[in-house]
Protein backbone atom coordinates (compact mmCIF):
# COMPACT_ATOMS: atom_id res chain seq x y z
CA MET A 1 81.11 -74.20 8.47
CA ARG A 2 82.66 -71.30 6.65
CA THR A 3 84.34 -68.76 8.84
CA GLU A 4 85.65 -65.38 8.82
CA PRO A 5 88.57 -63.63 10.15
CA SER A 6 88.60 -61.78 13.09
CA PRO A 7 90.62 -59.65 15.23
CA PHE A 8 90.11 -62.78 17.98
CA GLY A 9 90.56 -65.45 15.23
CA LEU A 10 87.99 -67.28 13.07
CA ARG A 11 84.00 -66.61 14.24
CA PRO A 12 80.77 -67.90 11.83
CA ARG A 13 78.26 -65.21 10.65
CA ARG A 14 75.45 -66.15 12.85
CA ARG A 15 75.02 -62.36 14.25
CA GLN A 16 74.08 -61.25 10.67
CA ARG A 17 71.50 -64.08 10.56
CA ARG A 18 70.19 -63.14 14.06
CA LEU A 19 69.53 -59.67 12.55
CA SER A 20 67.85 -60.63 9.61
CA TRP A 21 65.50 -62.72 11.32
CA LYS A 22 64.21 -59.78 13.54
CA LEU A 23 63.35 -57.82 10.39
CA SER A 24 61.35 -60.54 8.95
CA LEU A 25 59.50 -60.76 12.35
CA ALA A 26 59.04 -56.68 12.37
CA THR A 27 57.44 -57.07 8.85
CA LEU A 28 54.65 -59.47 10.21
CA VAL A 29 53.86 -58.00 13.30
CA VAL A 30 53.71 -54.26 12.84
CA PRO A 31 50.94 -54.39 10.46
CA LEU A 32 49.23 -57.39 12.64
CA ILE A 33 49.27 -55.30 15.75
CA ALA A 34 47.89 -52.66 13.44
CA LEU A 35 44.88 -54.77 12.19
CA LEU A 36 43.91 -56.08 15.74
CA ALA A 37 44.15 -52.25 17.38
CA THR A 38 41.45 -51.33 14.43
CA THR A 39 39.14 -54.18 15.58
CA GLY A 40 39.46 -53.51 19.22
CA TYR A 41 41.40 -56.44 20.35
CA ILE A 42 44.11 -54.35 21.69
CA ALA A 43 42.25 -51.20 22.68
CA PHE A 44 44.70 -50.57 25.50
CA ILE A 45 47.11 -49.07 22.79
CA ARG A 46 44.53 -46.23 21.78
CA ASP A 47 43.66 -42.66 23.00
CA GLU A 48 39.92 -43.62 24.17
CA ARG A 49 38.84 -40.11 24.71
CA LEU A 50 36.68 -38.31 22.92
CA ARG A 51 38.12 -35.27 20.66
CA VAL A 52 36.17 -32.66 20.40
CA THR A 53 36.64 -29.48 18.17
CA VAL A 54 34.98 -25.98 18.60
CA VAL A 55 34.22 -23.57 16.19
CA ASP A 56 32.80 -20.06 15.89
CA ALA A 57 29.25 -20.80 14.45
CA TYR A 58 29.86 -17.68 12.26
CA THR A 59 33.16 -17.10 11.01
CA GLU A 60 34.25 -21.47 11.16
CA ARG A 61 37.26 -20.06 13.02
CA PRO A 62 38.69 -22.64 15.72
CA LEU A 63 37.60 -21.58 19.73
CA ALA A 64 40.14 -21.49 22.19
CA GLY A 65 39.28 -21.49 25.92
CA VAL A 66 35.89 -23.53 25.42
CA ARG A 67 35.03 -25.33 28.60
CA VAL A 68 33.60 -28.95 27.76
CA ARG A 69 32.38 -30.76 30.75
CA ASP A 70 31.28 -34.15 31.18
CA GLY A 71 30.00 -34.30 35.10
CA GLN A 72 33.13 -33.85 37.02
CA ARG A 73 35.45 -33.70 34.10
CA GLU A 74 36.51 -30.87 32.37
CA VAL A 75 38.67 -29.82 29.85
CA VAL A 76 39.37 -26.42 27.95
CA THR A 77 40.10 -26.24 24.18
CA ASP A 78 43.42 -25.35 22.50
CA GLU A 79 44.42 -22.92 20.33
CA ALA A 80 43.28 -25.35 17.57
CA GLY A 81 39.75 -25.15 19.33
CA GLU A 82 40.23 -28.96 20.21
CA ALA A 83 40.20 -30.91 23.44
CA ARG A 84 39.75 -34.67 24.30
CA ILE A 85 37.77 -35.84 27.18
CA GLU A 86 37.19 -39.12 28.96
CA THR A 87 33.83 -40.21 28.52
CA SER A 88 32.11 -43.60 29.65
CA GLY A 89 28.81 -44.32 28.41
CA PRO A 90 26.48 -42.21 27.00
CA SER A 91 27.00 -38.56 28.09
CA SER A 92 25.78 -35.14 28.15
CA LEU A 93 28.83 -32.89 27.04
CA VAL A 94 28.20 -29.25 28.29
CA LEU A 95 30.21 -26.59 26.26
CA GLU A 96 30.69 -22.88 27.50
CA LYS A 97 32.50 -20.00 26.60
CA GLU A 98 32.01 -16.03 27.76
CA ASP A 99 30.33 -14.29 24.82
CA TYR A 100 28.70 -17.50 23.41
CA ASP A 101 25.60 -19.24 23.71
CA PRO A 102 26.36 -22.64 26.13
CA ILE A 103 25.24 -25.86 24.43
CA THR A 104 24.41 -29.37 25.94
CA LEU A 105 25.26 -32.21 23.80
CA ASP A 106 24.14 -35.72 23.79
CA VAL A 107 26.81 -38.31 22.88
CA THR A 108 27.24 -41.94 22.44
CA PRO A 109 30.12 -44.38 23.10
CA ASP A 110 31.17 -45.02 19.66
CA GLN A 111 31.49 -41.43 18.97
CA ARG A 112 35.09 -40.40 18.88
CA ALA A 113 35.21 -37.27 17.42
CA ILE A 114 32.42 -34.55 17.17
CA THR A 115 32.88 -30.80 15.88
CA VAL A 116 30.46 -28.30 17.67
CA ARG A 117 29.70 -24.63 16.69
CA LEU A 118 29.02 -21.96 19.32
CA ARG A 119 26.83 -19.08 18.32
CA PRO A 120 28.70 -15.56 19.33
CA ASN A 121 25.60 -13.67 21.46
CA VAL A 122 27.63 -10.16 21.68
CA VAL A 123 27.16 -7.55 19.20
CA ARG A 124 29.04 -4.20 19.17
CA GLY A 125 29.17 -1.13 17.48
CA VAL A 126 28.87 2.58 17.25
CA VAL A 127 25.93 4.90 16.90
CA THR A 128 26.71 8.08 15.20
CA SER A 129 24.46 11.29 13.88
CA ARG A 130 23.43 11.20 10.26
CA VAL A 131 23.86 15.00 10.07
CA THR A 132 27.00 15.69 11.71
CA GLY A 133 28.89 12.43 11.51
CA GLY A 134 29.59 12.47 15.28
CA PRO A 135 29.04 9.70 17.81
CA LEU A 136 25.67 9.95 19.97
CA ALA A 137 25.99 9.18 23.58
CA ASN A 138 22.96 7.98 25.38
CA VAL A 139 20.82 5.91 22.62
CA SER A 140 19.40 2.87 23.97
CA VAL A 141 20.25 -0.16 22.20
CA LYS A 142 17.78 -2.95 22.55
CA ALA A 143 17.40 -6.74 21.72
CA LEU A 144 14.09 -7.50 20.62
CA LEU A 145 11.88 -10.49 20.07
CA GLY A 146 8.62 -9.41 19.02
CA ASP A 147 7.97 -6.19 21.17
CA GLN A 148 9.44 -7.80 24.12
CA VAL A 149 13.04 -6.35 25.24
CA MET A 150 15.32 -9.29 26.18
CA VAL A 151 18.55 -7.36 26.56
CA GLN A 152 19.58 -3.59 26.66
CA THR A 153 22.22 -1.21 27.17
CA ILE A 154 23.33 2.52 26.22
CA THR A 155 26.00 4.13 23.81
CA ASP A 156 28.84 5.95 25.76
CA ALA A 157 30.52 9.35 24.89
CA ASN A 158 32.00 7.70 22.29
CA GLY A 159 28.92 6.18 20.34
CA THR A 160 29.96 2.90 21.24
CA TYR A 161 28.16 0.20 22.68
CA GLU A 162 28.39 -3.83 23.66
CA LEU A 163 25.13 -5.76 23.90
CA ARG A 164 25.77 -9.35 25.76
CA GLY A 165 23.27 -11.87 25.83
CA VAL A 166 21.65 -11.00 22.14
CA PRO A 167 19.61 -14.30 21.84
CA GLU A 168 19.03 -15.75 18.16
CA GLY A 169 16.56 -14.34 15.82
CA ALA A 170 16.76 -11.02 17.33
CA THR A 171 16.09 -7.62 16.44
CA LEU A 172 18.05 -4.42 17.45
CA GLY A 173 16.57 -1.40 18.08
CA PHE A 174 18.07 1.97 18.48
CA GLU A 175 16.02 4.97 20.13
CA HIS A 176 16.96 8.59 21.33
CA ASP A 177 14.91 11.38 22.14
CA GLU A 178 16.19 13.56 19.03
CA PHE A 179 16.52 10.97 16.37
CA ALA A 180 14.06 8.29 14.57
CA ASP A 181 14.04 4.82 15.35
CA VAL A 182 16.17 2.45 13.84
CA ARG A 183 15.52 -1.69 13.59
CA VAL A 184 17.95 -3.99 12.59
CA GLU A 185 17.11 -7.49 11.80
CA LEU A 186 20.13 -9.53 13.15
CA SER A 187 21.37 -11.90 11.16
CA ARG A 188 25.01 -13.51 11.32
CA GLN A 189 26.53 -10.17 12.54
CA THR A 190 28.20 -9.42 15.96
CA SER A 191 29.32 -5.74 14.68
CA ILE A 192 26.45 -3.46 13.69
CA SER A 193 26.81 0.53 13.65
CA VAL A 194 24.35 2.88 12.52
CA ALA A 195 23.76 6.44 12.02
CA LEU A 196 20.49 7.97 13.13
CA ARG A 197 18.39 10.56 11.35
CA PRO A 198 17.36 13.41 13.44
CA ASP A 199 13.65 13.64 13.62
CA VAL A 200 12.70 16.49 16.27
CA VAL A 201 11.68 19.73 14.86
CA THR A 202 11.43 22.91 16.75
CA GLY A 203 10.47 26.29 16.20
CA GLN A 204 7.71 28.93 16.97
CA VAL A 205 4.47 30.14 15.36
CA THR A 206 3.75 33.86 15.50
CA ASP A 207 1.07 36.39 13.73
CA LEU A 208 2.41 39.03 11.22
CA ALA A 209 3.34 41.37 14.22
CA GLY A 210 5.18 38.69 15.64
CA LYS A 211 2.88 37.89 18.57
CA PRO A 212 3.30 33.71 19.55
CA ILE A 213 0.16 32.02 18.61
CA GLU A 214 -0.89 29.42 21.07
CA GLY A 215 -2.47 25.99 20.36
CA ALA A 216 -1.40 26.21 16.65
CA THR A 217 -1.19 22.73 15.25
CA ILE A 218 2.04 21.78 13.76
CA ALA A 219 2.02 18.29 11.26
CA VAL A 220 4.24 16.53 8.98
CA GLY A 221 3.47 12.87 7.68
CA SER A 222 1.94 11.54 11.11
CA ALA A 223 3.69 13.64 13.16
CA ILE A 224 2.13 16.32 15.07
CA ALA A 225 2.41 18.76 17.89
CA THR A 226 0.69 21.97 19.62
CA THR A 227 2.37 25.69 20.27
CA ASP A 228 2.80 26.75 23.88
CA ALA A 229 2.10 30.01 25.33
CA ALA A 230 5.39 31.36 23.84
CA GLY A 231 3.67 29.85 20.04
CA SER A 232 6.99 27.32 20.23
CA PHE A 233 6.72 23.64 19.35
CA ARG A 234 8.59 20.49 19.53
CA LEU A 235 7.76 18.10 17.10
CA THR A 236 8.98 14.40 17.46
CA GLY A 237 8.80 11.57 14.69
CA ALA A 238 9.05 13.68 11.65
CA PRO A 239 9.67 11.92 8.47
CA GLU A 240 12.79 12.56 6.24
CA ARG A 241 11.35 14.51 3.88
CA GLY A 242 7.80 16.37 3.51
CA ASP A 243 6.32 19.69 4.24
CA ILE A 244 5.28 21.09 7.45
CA VAL A 245 1.47 22.39 7.65
CA VAL A 246 1.04 25.13 10.38
CA LYS A 247 -2.58 25.72 11.50
CA ALA A 248 -4.26 27.66 13.81
CA PRO A 249 -7.88 28.62 14.04
CA GLY A 250 -8.53 32.18 12.91
CA TYR A 251 -5.49 32.15 10.67
CA ARG A 252 -4.77 30.78 6.91
CA ALA A 253 -2.83 27.64 7.25
CA ARG A 254 1.14 27.78 6.10
CA VAL A 255 3.20 25.09 4.62
CA VAL A 256 6.79 25.65 5.25
CA PRO A 257 9.70 23.29 4.15
CA LEU A 258 11.08 20.41 6.31
CA THR A 259 14.92 21.29 6.31
CA ALA A 260 18.04 19.25 7.19
CA GLU A 261 18.18 22.12 10.22
CA MET A 262 15.33 20.70 11.48
CA HIS A 263 13.96 24.06 12.75
CA ALA A 264 11.19 26.03 11.18
CA THR A 265 9.04 29.22 11.85
CA ALA A 266 6.09 30.49 10.53
CA GLN A 267 3.94 33.68 10.43
CA LEU A 268 0.34 33.22 10.19
CA GLU A 269 -1.96 35.66 8.48
CA PRO A 270 -5.27 36.75 10.51
CA ILE A 271 -8.73 35.42 8.49
CA SER A 272 -12.33 36.16 9.17
CA VAL A 273 -14.66 33.83 7.51
CA ARG A 274 -17.96 35.13 6.58
CA ALA A 275 -19.88 32.67 4.29
CA ILE A 276 -23.07 31.68 2.75
CA TYR A 277 -24.20 27.97 2.26
CA ILE A 278 -24.60 26.87 -1.46
CA ASN A 279 -26.18 23.48 -2.27
CA ALA A 280 -25.20 20.73 -4.85
CA ALA A 281 -27.75 21.73 -7.42
CA VAL A 282 -26.84 25.76 -7.38
CA ALA A 283 -23.39 24.89 -7.45
CA ALA A 284 -24.03 22.68 -10.52
CA ASN A 285 -26.04 25.51 -12.34
CA PRO A 286 -23.39 27.75 -13.96
CA GLU A 287 -25.80 30.68 -13.95
CA ALA A 288 -26.81 30.04 -10.37
CA TRP A 289 -23.58 29.50 -9.27
CA ALA A 290 -21.93 32.67 -10.53
CA GLU A 291 -25.13 34.80 -9.26
CA ARG A 292 -23.93 33.42 -5.55
CA LEU A 293 -20.32 34.30 -6.37
CA ALA A 294 -21.18 37.84 -7.39
CA LEU A 295 -23.00 38.45 -4.07
CA VAL A 296 -19.84 36.87 -2.22
CA GLU A 297 -17.83 39.62 -4.21
CA ARG A 298 -20.27 42.54 -3.83
CA THR A 299 -20.44 42.09 -0.12
CA GLU A 300 -18.40 41.35 3.08
CA LEU A 301 -18.82 37.94 2.24
CA ASN A 302 -15.81 36.03 1.79
CA ALA A 303 -16.63 32.38 1.95
CA VAL A 304 -18.61 29.96 0.64
CA VAL A 305 -19.62 26.33 1.98
CA VAL A 306 -20.37 23.93 -0.58
CA ASP A 307 -22.41 20.60 -0.25
CA LEU A 308 -20.07 17.34 -1.34
CA LYS A 309 -22.56 15.16 0.69
CA ASP A 310 -25.74 15.95 1.91
CA SER A 311 -28.32 14.35 4.28
CA THR A 312 -29.59 12.30 1.47
CA GLY A 313 -26.61 10.36 1.39
CA ARG A 314 -25.67 11.57 -1.88
CA VAL A 315 -22.00 12.40 -3.00
CA PHE A 316 -21.97 14.77 -5.83
CA TYR A 317 -18.64 14.16 -7.41
CA ASP A 318 -17.02 11.15 -9.17
CA SER A 319 -15.62 9.98 -6.03
CA ARG A 320 -12.31 7.84 -5.74
CA VAL A 321 -13.29 6.30 -2.60
CA PRO A 322 -14.58 2.56 -3.78
CA LEU A 323 -17.67 2.31 -1.10
CA ALA A 324 -19.32 5.64 -2.54
CA HIS A 325 -19.62 3.67 -6.13
CA GLU A 326 -20.59 0.42 -4.08
CA ILE A 327 -23.82 1.84 -2.54
CA GLY A 328 -24.81 3.88 -5.44
CA ALA A 329 -24.28 7.22 -3.44
CA VAL A 330 -22.38 8.91 -6.33
CA LEU A 331 -24.16 11.80 -8.22
CA PRO A 332 -21.49 13.59 -10.05
CA ILE A 333 -22.69 17.01 -11.07
CA LEU A 334 -19.95 18.89 -9.75
CA ASP A 335 -16.04 18.98 -10.05
CA PRO A 336 -14.55 20.09 -7.16
CA LYS A 337 -11.32 20.86 -7.95
CA ALA A 338 -12.49 23.01 -10.83
CA LEU A 339 -14.90 24.82 -8.38
CA VAL A 340 -12.03 25.28 -5.62
CA GLU A 341 -9.73 26.77 -8.43
CA GLU A 342 -12.11 29.20 -9.13
CA LEU A 343 -12.95 30.22 -5.62
CA HIS A 344 -9.26 30.71 -5.28
CA ARG A 345 -8.96 32.83 -7.97
CA ARG A 346 -11.45 34.81 -6.97
CA HIS A 347 -9.69 34.94 -3.21
CA ILE A 348 -12.89 33.14 -1.90
CA TYR A 349 -12.35 30.89 1.01
CA ALA A 350 -13.84 27.31 0.06
CA ILE A 351 -15.56 25.43 2.56
CA ALA A 352 -16.93 21.31 1.86
CA ARG A 353 -19.73 20.33 3.92
CA ILE A 354 -20.30 16.47 4.37
CA VAL A 355 -23.05 15.08 6.47
CA VAL A 356 -21.96 12.34 8.31
CA PHE A 357 -24.51 10.23 10.33
CA GLU A 358 -27.92 10.92 8.40
CA ASP A 359 -26.94 9.06 5.74
CA PRO A 360 -30.07 6.89 4.58
CA ILE A 361 -27.99 5.60 1.35
CA LEU A 362 -25.36 3.85 3.27
CA ALA A 363 -27.92 2.61 6.12
CA GLU A 364 -30.07 0.96 3.29
CA ALA A 365 -26.89 -0.54 1.37
CA LYS A 366 -25.24 -1.43 4.60
CA PRO A 367 -27.83 -2.49 7.46
CA GLU A 368 -25.28 -4.11 9.74
CA TRP A 369 -23.81 -0.51 9.97
CA ALA A 370 -27.19 1.04 10.87
CA ILE A 371 -29.43 1.61 13.54
CA LYS A 372 -31.93 -1.16 13.83
CA ASN A 373 -35.49 -1.30 15.36
CA ALA A 374 -35.59 -3.32 18.68
CA ALA A 375 -39.34 -4.22 18.19
CA THR A 376 -39.06 -5.68 14.60
CA GLY A 377 -35.22 -6.09 13.84
CA ASP A 378 -35.53 -4.30 10.67
CA LEU A 379 -34.05 -0.40 9.85
CA TRP A 380 -34.92 1.84 12.58
CA ARG A 381 -36.19 4.77 11.16
CA THR A 382 -36.92 8.56 11.89
CA TRP A 383 -40.47 10.05 11.70
CA ASN A 384 -39.91 10.85 8.23
CA GLY A 385 -39.11 7.43 7.22
CA LEU A 386 -35.28 7.86 6.87
CA ALA A 387 -33.02 5.19 8.10
CA TRP A 388 -29.87 6.35 9.96
CA VAL A 389 -26.18 4.77 10.15
CA ASN A 390 -25.07 4.05 13.79
CA ALA A 391 -22.47 6.33 14.73
CA HIS A 392 -20.90 3.80 17.02
CA ARG A 393 -19.69 2.37 13.91
CA SER A 394 -15.95 2.60 12.91
CA GLU A 395 -16.77 1.61 9.36
CA VAL A 396 -18.76 4.86 9.22
CA TRP A 397 -16.43 6.67 10.64
CA ASP A 398 -13.88 5.44 7.99
CA TYR A 399 -15.99 6.41 4.93
CA ASN A 400 -16.74 9.73 5.78
CA ILE A 401 -13.19 10.46 6.86
CA ALA A 402 -11.91 9.19 3.32
CA LEU A 403 -14.24 11.58 1.75
CA ALA A 404 -12.76 14.39 4.01
CA LEU A 405 -9.56 13.36 2.71
CA GLU A 406 -10.12 13.54 -0.63
CA ALA A 407 -11.89 17.13 -0.25
CA ALA A 408 -8.65 17.76 1.00
CA SER A 409 -6.96 16.72 -2.14
CA PHE A 410 -9.17 18.94 -3.97
CA GLY A 411 -7.74 21.97 -2.57
CA PHE A 412 -10.69 22.97 0.35
CA ASP A 413 -9.57 25.48 3.07
CA GLU A 414 -11.78 23.75 5.23
CA ILE A 415 -14.00 20.63 5.70
CA GLN A 416 -17.14 20.93 7.83
CA PHE A 417 -18.86 17.96 9.10
CA ASP A 418 -22.78 18.36 9.86
CA TYR A 419 -25.29 15.91 11.53
CA ILE A 420 -22.24 14.55 13.82
CA ARG A 421 -24.73 13.10 16.23
CA PHE A 422 -26.95 10.87 17.45
CA PRO A 423 -30.73 11.13 16.03
CA SER A 424 -33.25 13.27 17.69
CA ASP A 425 -36.48 12.19 16.25
CA GLY A 426 -38.36 9.17 15.87
CA PRO A 427 -39.27 6.53 18.40
CA LEU A 428 -35.81 6.59 19.89
CA ASP A 429 -36.89 3.92 22.70
CA GLN A 430 -36.69 1.35 19.90
CA ALA A 431 -33.43 2.54 18.51
CA GLU A 432 -30.77 -0.73 18.72
CA TYR A 433 -27.12 0.21 18.61
CA GLY A 434 -25.46 -3.28 19.37
CA VAL A 435 -23.70 -1.71 22.13
CA VAL A 436 -24.04 -0.04 25.73
CA HIS A 437 -25.78 3.47 24.25
CA ASN A 438 -25.72 6.15 27.41
CA ARG A 439 -24.20 9.68 27.41
CA ASP A 440 -20.83 8.17 28.05
CA THR A 441 -21.02 6.13 24.73
CA ARG A 442 -22.51 8.48 22.78
CA THR A 443 -19.96 10.99 23.60
CA GLU A 444 -17.06 8.81 23.78
CA ALA A 445 -18.33 7.70 19.85
CA ILE A 446 -18.71 11.28 18.51
CA GLY A 447 -15.75 12.67 20.22
CA GLU A 448 -13.57 9.53 19.09
CA PHE A 449 -14.75 10.16 15.24
CA LEU A 450 -13.28 13.89 15.49
CA LYS A 451 -10.52 12.68 16.77
CA ARG A 452 -9.66 10.27 14.23
CA ALA A 453 -10.87 12.69 11.38
CA ARG A 454 -8.43 15.68 13.02
CA LEU A 455 -5.29 13.39 12.98
CA ALA A 456 -6.35 12.17 9.09
CA LEU A 457 -6.30 15.80 8.14
CA ALA A 458 -3.53 17.26 10.10
CA PRO A 459 -0.91 16.85 7.42
CA THR A 460 -3.08 18.64 4.71
CA ARG A 461 -4.14 22.06 4.64
CA ALA A 462 -7.49 21.69 5.30
CA TYR A 463 -9.36 23.00 9.01
CA LEU A 464 -11.71 20.68 10.45
CA ALA A 465 -15.09 21.99 11.69
CA ALA A 466 -18.09 20.51 13.31
CA ASP A 467 -21.93 21.57 13.33
CA ILE A 468 -23.52 21.23 16.45
CA PHE A 469 -26.72 22.10 17.88
CA GLY A 470 -27.24 25.87 19.12
CA LEU A 471 -28.59 24.15 22.55
CA THR A 472 -25.22 22.58 22.92
CA LEU A 473 -23.92 25.70 23.79
CA TRP A 474 -26.21 25.56 27.11
CA GLU A 475 -27.19 22.13 27.30
CA LEU A 476 -24.15 20.40 29.61
CA GLY A 477 -25.53 16.95 29.02
CA ASP A 478 -25.59 15.68 25.65
CA SER A 479 -29.16 16.39 24.72
CA GLY A 480 -29.09 12.40 24.04
CA ILE A 481 -27.42 13.00 20.80
CA GLY A 482 -23.57 13.00 21.64
CA GLN A 483 -22.63 16.73 21.55
CA VAL A 484 -20.70 17.66 24.27
CA LEU A 485 -19.29 21.42 23.99
CA GLU A 486 -16.10 20.59 25.57
CA VAL A 487 -15.63 17.31 24.07
CA VAL A 488 -16.11 18.64 20.31
CA ALA A 489 -13.96 21.59 21.35
CA GLU A 490 -10.92 19.53 21.74
CA GLN A 491 -10.96 17.99 18.64
CA VAL A 492 -11.74 20.74 15.96
CA ASP A 493 -10.59 23.66 14.72
CA TYR A 494 -13.88 25.34 14.20
CA ILE A 495 -17.11 25.19 16.37
CA CYS A 496 -20.23 25.87 14.15
CA PRO A 497 -22.90 26.17 16.22
CA MET A 498 -26.47 26.38 14.57
CA VAL A 499 -27.81 29.24 16.96
CA TYR A 500 -31.05 29.87 14.69
CA PRO A 501 -33.17 31.79 17.05
CA SER A 502 -36.57 29.95 15.57
CA HIS A 503 -34.78 26.74 16.64
CA PHE A 504 -34.94 27.52 20.28
CA TYR A 505 -37.62 26.66 22.74
CA PRO A 506 -40.35 28.41 24.04
CA GLY A 507 -39.34 30.22 27.08
CA SER A 508 -35.53 29.60 26.45
CA MET A 509 -33.55 32.62 27.78
CA GLY A 510 -36.81 33.83 29.29
CA PHE A 511 -38.27 34.76 25.90
CA GLU A 512 -41.53 33.31 25.35
CA ILE A 513 -40.84 33.22 21.36
CA PRO A 514 -37.20 33.24 21.06
CA ASN A 515 -37.55 33.87 17.42
CA ASP A 516 -38.20 37.23 18.26
CA HIS A 517 -35.21 38.10 19.83
CA PRO A 518 -32.33 37.14 17.18
CA TYR A 519 -29.49 39.88 18.89
CA GLU A 520 -30.02 38.44 22.65
CA VAL A 521 -30.32 34.85 21.26
CA ILE A 522 -26.91 35.07 19.44
CA LEU A 523 -25.22 37.19 21.93
CA TRP A 524 -25.99 35.38 24.90
CA SER A 525 -25.51 31.71 23.43
CA LEU A 526 -22.30 33.00 22.47
CA GLN A 527 -21.13 34.32 25.61
CA ASN A 528 -22.38 31.32 27.65
CA GLY A 529 -20.21 29.06 25.48
CA ALA A 530 -17.15 31.00 25.69
CA GLU A 531 -17.58 31.07 29.46
CA ARG A 532 -17.36 27.44 29.08
CA ILE A 533 -14.42 26.82 27.27
CA PRO A 534 -12.65 30.39 27.31
CA GLN A 535 -9.56 28.55 25.90
CA HIS A 536 -11.34 27.73 22.52
CA VAL A 537 -13.41 31.18 21.82
CA ARG A 538 -11.31 31.71 18.65
CA LYS A 539 -12.87 28.35 17.57
CA PHE A 540 -16.51 29.84 17.54
CA ARG A 541 -17.77 30.47 14.07
CA PRO A 542 -21.94 30.50 14.66
CA TRP A 543 -24.66 29.52 11.71
CA LEU A 544 -27.26 32.61 11.67
CA GLN A 545 -30.54 32.14 10.05
CA ASP A 546 -31.56 33.98 7.02
CA PHE A 547 -34.55 32.32 6.71
CA SER A 548 -38.38 32.55 8.43
CA TYR A 549 -39.71 29.58 10.51
CA GLY A 550 -42.00 28.84 13.40
CA PRO A 551 -44.05 31.23 15.47
CA GLY A 552 -42.61 34.84 15.36
CA ILE A 553 -41.67 37.49 13.30
CA GLU A 554 -40.58 36.93 9.65
CA TYR A 555 -36.89 37.02 8.90
CA GLY A 556 -35.53 40.05 6.36
CA PRO A 557 -32.32 42.27 6.25
CA ASN A 558 -32.77 43.78 9.98
CA GLU A 559 -32.89 40.19 11.65
CA VAL A 560 -30.02 38.87 9.61
CA ARG A 561 -28.16 42.44 10.57
CA ALA A 562 -28.92 41.92 14.03
CA GLN A 563 -27.35 38.36 14.37
CA ILE A 564 -24.18 39.72 12.67
CA GLN A 565 -24.06 42.32 15.04
CA ALA A 566 -24.31 39.86 18.09
CA VAL A 567 -21.48 38.51 16.76
CA GLU A 568 -19.52 40.97 16.93
CA ASP A 569 -20.23 42.34 20.16
CA ALA A 570 -19.45 38.50 21.39
CA GLY A 571 -16.41 39.77 20.19
CA LEU A 572 -16.06 37.60 17.00
CA HIS A 573 -15.38 38.42 13.66
CA SER A 574 -16.48 35.17 11.80
CA TRP A 575 -20.10 33.54 10.54
CA MET A 576 -21.79 31.86 8.42
CA ILE A 577 -25.71 32.63 7.04
CA TRP A 578 -27.92 29.52 6.41
CA ASN A 579 -31.09 29.23 3.63
CA ALA A 580 -31.69 26.00 2.33
CA ASP A 581 -32.74 27.58 -0.79
CA ASN A 582 -29.39 29.66 -0.79
CA VAL A 583 -31.68 32.96 -1.31
CA TYR A 584 -29.88 35.67 1.12
CA HIS A 585 -30.67 39.35 2.00
CA GLU A 586 -28.21 41.23 0.16
CA GLU A 587 -29.13 44.25 2.32
CA ALA A 588 -28.16 42.59 5.53
CA LEU A 589 -24.54 42.63 4.58
CA GLN A 590 -21.93 45.72 4.01
CA ALA A 591 -20.73 46.23 0.80
CA GLY A 592 -17.39 44.72 -0.25
């Protein structure tokens, strides 16, 4: 045996051999241990806990402080968003963190690592004024799902808000009494700031002398307001752009611009309307038309009422309303825009007459919209064989309102609805309407139609007028036709009672033949109506008769003048004269 020297003498090299043997053993054992560990044979040397990594669902950043629970066991994620939790068998993990939606996950025994994304449910931001740029306090901030408010808060003095518990898929709503509402679809956002646009217009309406006008209508877009006793108004919901239309019965309409200051004042010019009726045939005849306008210019007259749609159902111009063409109602003999331009050039107030519910053309073309005969199932007809549309049907309302809006677009100063009623002659006991038909439903139908028309016409320069029976000024019911004075007065700018003395029943007002008393019939009727609706007196503009009808005296200049005098003595200054043939007694009129 080979030996080497040492301080203690000679010794063999056994120590070196042992070390080499140990190194060789290690090179074999370490890989083996690793192999066994991966196959589970020595699982006791591996961490059996489930590794959970939690990140923000929007930013993908790690979330620290997330509580991870499995039954009674709980751990919290570290700065890297990780935590390890012991699980046994199938488990349900609950992950929770303030300002995030909690999540419950089912995990299986073979899962050793999972990544979880938590959705933040807090939205913060600042609300400011678009005009001033300053913060807005007391703005209501709501999280909405459909129309349901899920959570809400208000902004503080700095305009800031913090809305917690905002559900996924929500819409944020920002609301303030002085500003337009804003809706924001919430996506992957936790910070939303908005600038609100003021939508409240304030101001005052007066006459030319500075006297406040109560009851004036102020409209821009779909926003409408009415002045109080001081002539002041507060209009909410104003659009970003547009013109403000100001109207009051007895005054000319005025248009003022909508400015960034959201304040408007208007002075209205008073007007007394004194009109004659002109049918479409006369208006379409240049010579006859010129003759009537010359009459207006020679006398105290200053307005005309022109048929755009009469009781035949004919529409006398090339309408853009599709239904008018579909039912074959269009007979284009007039150019309404040119007609209005000429009237305004001559300083004549232009009124468009539209007959509504006596419309045989529409009734025949759309029988489902017409009154039916309960006995036969066919169309119901008057004694003259005319079919009527059903005033309960909103489709009929829409058609006539569309025509009214079209007339307003031509520049007419006023839209006058006639035959806004249910039929008054014919086999009324056989009329079938498809709904409950009584005083209340009749009145409601007429009132709702006029309301819709008023709202539609409000942002235009055109006033809304309605013709009613003269008897309506006396009758407290609806006379079976749906006309109640108080209901009509609330919805229109002008009430036009047809107080023709010849149309009152014998014995009315104590007169055996009312037709023989033109002055008294007009005066007393208007006085009675004024007593019923004193707040709406200035809306009265009666129709007077310049024709002879029924028993009694013939009507000439004296009878026509007597009616005009009665209007004046009733404290009114506006009136209209009717003659179906458009032939009028000029001698009854004062010189222009």
